[in-house]
Amino acid sequence: MKTTLQWQGGVAFVAATGSGNRLLIDGPPEHGGENKGARPMEVFLSGAAACSAFDVVHILKKGKQPLRDLSVEVNGERAEREPKVYTEIHLHFIAYGDGLNENAVARAVQLSVEKYCSALTMLAATCQIRHSYQIKN
């Protein structure tokens, strides 16, 4: 994998990913940013959530579960002092679908968070990872 950053002035950058996509990253005004893009640590947290959500969707679809939609609410707590690393992350998965099996959803979330998601595995070395889920029709 490869990503290239190109400075846009201030503290804004465009990330060009190896898959050919672009992502605008910027900082808050108090640090020279203009709120033109997501903060670097927001991107980091979003990437970890997307990594896990990818797994959950894959596992549920492989198990022939009638998943219609999935959302993940992620809350990250950071250290008060520099470096302000994440100290705790909570992922709350909301699976939508008529007839979803609760055990299948619970298993998919657990497998992703505790085994398959490489981003969360890296974070777990220094951060407490918690997860929960709910099912909605």
Protein backbone atom coordinates (compact mmCIF):
# COMPACT_ATOMS: atom_id res chain seq x y z
CA MET A 1 0.00 0.00 0.00
CA LYS A 2 1.10 3.51 -0.68
CA THR A 3 -0.28 6.98 0.00
CA THR A 4 1.24 10.25 -1.08
CA LEU A 5 0.51 13.55 0.68
CA GLN A 6 0.62 16.87 -1.13
CA TRP A 7 0.68 20.04 0.96
CA GLN A 8 -2.13 22.48 0.16
CA GLY A 9 -0.91 25.37 2.33
CA GLY A 10 -1.54 26.03 6.00
CA VAL A 11 -1.87 22.57 7.53
CA ALA A 12 -3.99 21.08 4.72
CA PHE A 13 -2.93 18.08 2.67
CA VAL A 14 -4.46 15.96 -0.06
CA ALA A 15 -3.77 12.28 0.35
CA ALA A 16 -3.60 10.35 -2.91
CA THR A 17 -4.05 6.68 -2.17
CA GLY A 18 -2.65 3.75 -4.05
CA SER A 19 -6.20 2.84 -5.11
CA GLY A 20 -6.50 6.17 -6.93
CA ASN A 21 -8.70 7.99 -4.44
CA ARG A 22 -8.13 11.38 -2.84
CA LEU A 23 -8.84 12.57 0.68
CA LEU A 24 -8.57 16.13 2.01
CA ILE A 25 -7.05 16.41 5.48
CA ASP A 26 -6.86 19.71 7.40
CA GLY A 27 -6.46 21.01 10.92
CA PRO A 28 -8.46 23.38 13.09
CA PRO A 29 -8.03 27.17 12.77
CA GLU A 30 -6.15 27.37 16.08
CA HIS A 31 -3.42 25.24 14.50
CA GLY A 32 -3.34 26.99 11.13
CA GLY A 33 -6.11 25.02 9.44
CA GLU A 34 -9.24 26.15 7.65
CA ASN A 35 -11.60 23.22 8.39
CA LYS A 36 -11.38 22.18 4.72
CA GLY A 37 -11.07 18.49 5.55
CA ALA A 38 -11.09 15.87 8.24
CA ARG A 39 -8.51 15.98 11.04
CA PRO A 40 -5.73 13.38 10.83
CA MET A 41 -6.88 11.60 13.99
CA GLU A 42 -10.48 11.57 12.70
CA VAL A 43 -9.24 9.89 9.54
CA PHE A 44 -7.35 7.38 11.67
CA LEU A 45 -10.46 6.57 13.74
CA SER A 46 -12.66 6.41 10.64
CA GLY A 47 -10.23 4.04 8.96
CA ALA A 48 -10.26 1.69 11.92
CA ALA A 49 -14.08 1.71 11.98
CA ALA A 50 -14.27 1.12 8.22
CA CYS A 51 -11.79 -1.77 8.49
CA SER A 52 -13.99 -3.45 11.07
CA ALA A 53 -17.26 -2.66 9.28
CA PHE A 54 -15.84 -4.22 6.10
CA ASP A 55 -15.25 -7.45 8.04
CA VAL A 56 -18.70 -7.44 9.65
CA VAL A 57 -20.46 -6.99 6.30
CA HIS A 58 -18.31 -9.71 4.72
CA ILE A 59 -18.94 -12.19 7.55
CA LEU A 60 -22.70 -11.56 7.63
CA LYS A 61 -23.05 -11.79 3.85
CA LYS A 62 -20.97 -14.99 3.80
CA GLY A 63 -23.33 -16.36 6.47
CA LYS A 64 -26.30 -15.48 4.23
CA GLN A 65 -27.70 -13.03 6.76
CA PRO A 66 -30.27 -10.55 5.35
CA LEU A 67 -28.17 -7.46 6.08
CA ARG A 68 -29.74 -4.35 4.54
CA ASP A 69 -27.52 -1.69 6.08
CA LEU A 70 -24.79 -1.22 8.66
CA SER A 71 -23.61 1.83 10.54
CA VAL A 72 -20.88 2.18 13.14
CA GLU A 73 -20.78 4.88 15.78
CA VAL A 74 -17.23 5.30 17.04
CA ASN A 75 -16.06 7.22 20.08
CA GLY A 76 -12.39 7.67 20.78
CA GLU A 77 -10.83 8.96 23.97
CA ARG A 78 -7.38 10.48 23.71
CA ALA A 79 -4.62 11.08 26.22
CA GLU A 80 -4.55 14.55 27.72
CA ARG A 81 -0.83 15.04 27.09
CA GLU A 82 1.30 14.81 23.97
CA PRO A 83 1.38 12.56 22.17
CA LYS A 84 -2.41 12.50 22.40
CA VAL A 85 -2.82 8.87 21.42
CA TYR A 86 -6.12 7.06 21.60
CA THR A 87 -6.48 5.42 25.01
CA GLU A 88 -9.95 3.95 24.51
CA ILE A 89 -12.15 3.34 21.50
CA HIS A 90 -15.75 2.17 21.56
CA LEU A 91 -17.38 0.92 18.36
CA HIS A 92 -21.16 0.52 18.34
CA PHE A 93 -22.42 -1.42 15.32
CA ILE A 94 -26.02 -1.02 14.18
CA ALA A 95 -27.11 -3.77 11.81
CA TYR A 96 -30.32 -3.32 9.82
CA GLY A 97 -32.27 -6.18 8.32
CA ASP A 98 -35.44 -8.20 8.77
CA GLY A 99 -34.62 -11.60 10.21
CA LEU A 100 -31.01 -10.98 11.21
CA ASN A 101 -29.85 -13.64 13.62
CA GLU A 102 -28.58 -12.00 16.81
CA ASN A 103 -25.93 -14.67 17.40
CA ALA A 104 -24.63 -14.19 13.85
CA VAL A 105 -24.36 -10.42 14.32
CA ALA A 106 -22.66 -10.79 17.71
CA ARG A 107 -20.20 -13.32 16.25
CA ALA A 108 -19.43 -11.15 13.20
CA VAL A 109 -18.70 -8.11 15.37
CA GLN A 110 -16.57 -10.09 17.82
CA LEU A 111 -14.58 -11.83 15.07
CA SER A 112 -13.88 -8.54 13.36
CA VAL A 113 -12.89 -6.60 16.47
CA GLU A 114 -10.89 -9.37 18.13
CA LYS A 115 -9.41 -11.28 15.19
CA TYR A 116 -9.69 -9.95 11.64
CA CYS A 117 -9.49 -6.14 11.67
CA SER A 118 -5.81 -5.29 11.28
CA ALA A 119 -6.33 -1.64 12.22
CA LEU A 120 -7.99 -2.52 15.53
CA THR A 121 -5.37 -5.19 16.21
CA MET A 122 -2.65 -2.54 15.92
CA LEU A 123 -4.58 -0.14 18.15
CA ALA A 124 -5.27 -2.83 20.76
CA ALA A 125 -1.57 -2.94 21.59
CA THR A 126 -1.84 0.51 23.20
CA CYS A 127 -5.55 1.21 23.50
CA GLN A 128 -8.60 -0.40 25.08
CA ILE A 129 -11.05 -1.45 22.37
CA ARG A 130 -14.68 -1.95 23.36
CA HIS A 131 -17.58 -2.89 21.13
CA SER A 132 -21.33 -3.29 21.20
CA TYR A 133 -24.07 -3.85 18.65
CA GLN A 134 -27.76 -3.60 18.11
CA ILE A 135 -30.12 -4.89 15.48
CA LYS A 136 -32.85 -2.83 13.85
CA ASN A 137 -35.37 -3.88 11.25
